[in-house]
């Protein structure tokens, strides 16, 4: 996992603003939604985790440096 810096945090917050739509590409958690699940960004916390309200009803964060999602144009 890469160390969080203020520059990385600012970049993540710009790339994944509140309300942005994302698609899950990888999540290392047994409770993870299925790959390809889409959701709406609720924000990015101070550790760089992307807080997502998944369309499937869950709310697991996309952890910086561990999990992966991509922004989609819904």
C-alpha atoms as a PDB file:
ATOM      1  CA  UNK A   1       0.000   0.000   0.000  1.00  0.00           C
ATOM      2  CA  UNK A   2       1.289   3.461  -0.881  1.00  0.00           C
ATOM      3  CA  UNK A   3       1.587   6.130   1.798  1.00  0.00           C
ATOM      4  CA  UNK A   4      -1.152   8.771   1.778  1.00  0.00           C
ATOM      5  CA  UNK A   5       0.001  12.303   1.027  1.00  0.00           C
ATOM      6  CA  UNK A   6      -1.965  15.524   0.853  1.00  0.00           C
ATOM      7  CA  UNK A   7      -1.368  15.586  -2.907  1.00  0.00           C
ATOM      8  CA  UNK A   8      -2.752  12.064  -3.408  1.00  0.00           C
ATOM      9  CA  UNK A   9      -5.735  12.849  -1.173  1.00  0.00           C
ATOM     10  CA  UNK A  10      -6.521  16.035  -3.121  1.00  0.00           C
ATOM     11  CA  UNK A  11      -6.231  14.113  -6.405  1.00  0.00           C
ATOM     12  CA  UNK A  12      -8.592  11.363  -5.205  1.00  0.00           C
ATOM     13  CA  UNK A  13     -11.144  13.922  -4.024  1.00  0.00           C
ATOM     14  CA  UNK A  14     -11.005  15.674  -7.392  1.00  0.00           C
ATOM     15  CA  UNK A  15     -11.245  12.411  -9.338  1.00  0.00           C
ATOM     16  CA  UNK A  16     -14.050  10.940  -7.204  1.00  0.00           C
ATOM     17  CA  UNK A  17     -16.277  13.851  -6.095  1.00  0.00           C
ATOM     18  CA  UNK A  18     -19.436  13.298  -4.079  1.00  0.00           C
ATOM     19  CA  UNK A  19     -22.179  12.060  -6.406  1.00  0.00           C
ATOM     20  CA  UNK A  20     -19.804  10.497  -8.952  1.00  0.00           C
ATOM     21  CA  UNK A  21     -20.755   7.059 -10.230  1.00  0.00           C
ATOM     22  CA  UNK A  22     -18.198   4.244  -9.913  1.00  0.00           C
ATOM     23  CA  UNK A  23     -17.890   0.579 -10.848  1.00  0.00           C
ATOM     24  CA  UNK A  24     -16.106  -1.934  -8.635  1.00  0.00           C
ATOM     25  CA  UNK A  25     -13.088  -3.593 -10.278  1.00  0.00           C
ATOM     26  CA  UNK A  26     -11.450  -5.307  -7.276  1.00  0.00           C
ATOM     27  CA  UNK A  27     -12.149  -5.517  -3.533  1.00  0.00           C
ATOM     28  CA  UNK A  28     -10.282  -7.687  -1.035  1.00  0.00           C
ATOM     29  CA  UNK A  29     -13.156  -8.364   1.373  1.00  0.00           C
ATOM     30  CA  UNK A  30     -15.384 -11.428   1.772  1.00  0.00           C
ATOM     31  CA  UNK A  31     -18.413  -9.120   2.117  1.00  0.00           C
ATOM     32  CA  UNK A  32     -17.589  -7.195  -1.072  1.00  0.00           C
ATOM     33  CA  UNK A  33     -20.258  -6.554  -3.673  1.00  0.00           C
ATOM     34  CA  UNK A  34     -19.819  -8.430  -6.944  1.00  0.00           C
ATOM     35  CA  UNK A  35     -17.195  -7.155  -9.371  1.00  0.00           C
ATOM     36  CA  UNK A  36     -18.949  -4.800 -11.777  1.00  0.00           C
ATOM     37  CA  UNK A  37     -21.373  -3.489  -9.142  1.00  0.00           C
ATOM     38  CA  UNK A  38     -21.960   0.234  -9.495  1.00  0.00           C
ATOM     39  CA  UNK A  39     -22.507   2.807  -6.816  1.00  0.00           C
ATOM     40  CA  UNK A  40     -22.502   6.490  -5.918  1.00  0.00           C
ATOM     41  CA  UNK A  41     -19.562   8.176  -4.181  1.00  0.00           C
ATOM     42  CA  UNK A  42     -20.425   9.703  -0.799  1.00  0.00           C
ATOM     43  CA  UNK A  43     -16.953  11.196  -0.370  1.00  0.00           C
ATOM     44  CA  UNK A  44     -13.285  10.401   0.190  1.00  0.00           C
ATOM     45  CA  UNK A  45     -12.124  10.101   3.806  1.00  0.00           C
ATOM     46  CA  UNK A  46      -8.787  11.318   5.197  1.00  0.00           C
ATOM     47  CA  UNK A  47      -7.150   7.912   4.637  1.00  0.00           C
ATOM     48  CA  UNK A  48      -8.046   8.077   0.919  1.00  0.00           C
ATOM     49  CA  UNK A  49     -10.813   5.481   1.072  1.00  0.00           C
ATOM     50  CA  UNK A  50     -13.639   6.142  -1.362  1.00  0.00           C
ATOM     51  CA  UNK A  51     -16.941   5.942   0.505  1.00  0.00           C
ATOM     52  CA  UNK A  52     -19.542   4.383  -1.797  1.00  0.00           C
ATOM     53  CA  UNK A  53     -23.265   3.686  -1.525  1.00  0.00           C
ATOM     54  CA  UNK A  54     -23.455   0.555  -3.684  1.00  0.00           C
ATOM     55  CA  UNK A  55     -26.536   0.014  -5.841  1.00  0.00           C
ATOM     56  CA  UNK A  56     -26.785  -3.463  -4.273  1.00  0.00           C
ATOM     57  CA  UNK A  57     -27.450  -1.858  -0.885  1.00  0.00           C
ATOM     58  CA  UNK A  58     -24.034  -2.139   0.771  1.00  0.00           C
ATOM     59  CA  UNK A  59     -21.663   0.623   1.801  1.00  0.00           C
ATOM     60  CA  UNK A  60     -18.152  -0.871   1.986  1.00  0.00           C
ATOM     61  CA  UNK A  61     -15.411   1.654   1.252  1.00  0.00           C
ATOM     62  CA  UNK A  62     -12.976   1.192  -1.630  1.00  0.00           C
ATOM     63  CA  UNK A  63      -9.685   1.120   0.300  1.00  0.00           C
ATOM     64  CA  UNK A  64      -6.825   3.172  -1.099  1.00  0.00           C
ATOM     65  CA  UNK A  65      -3.990   0.973  -2.377  1.00  0.00           C
ATOM     66  CA  UNK A  66      -5.950  -2.265  -1.823  1.00  0.00           C
ATOM     67  CA  UNK A  67      -9.233  -2.141  -3.737  1.00  0.00           C
ATOM     68  CA  UNK A  68     -10.008  -0.618  -7.126  1.00  0.00           C
ATOM     69  CA  UNK A  69     -12.927   1.118  -8.799  1.00  0.00           C
ATOM     70  CA  UNK A  70     -13.332   3.275 -11.847  1.00  0.00           C
ATOM     71  CA  UNK A  71     -15.465   6.296 -12.508  1.00  0.00           C
ATOM     72  CA  UNK A  72     -18.308   5.692 -14.952  1.00  0.00           C
ATOM     73  CA  UNK A  73     -20.480   8.147 -16.853  1.00  0.00           C
ATOM     74  CA  UNK A  74     -24.010   7.413 -15.629  1.00  0.00           C
END
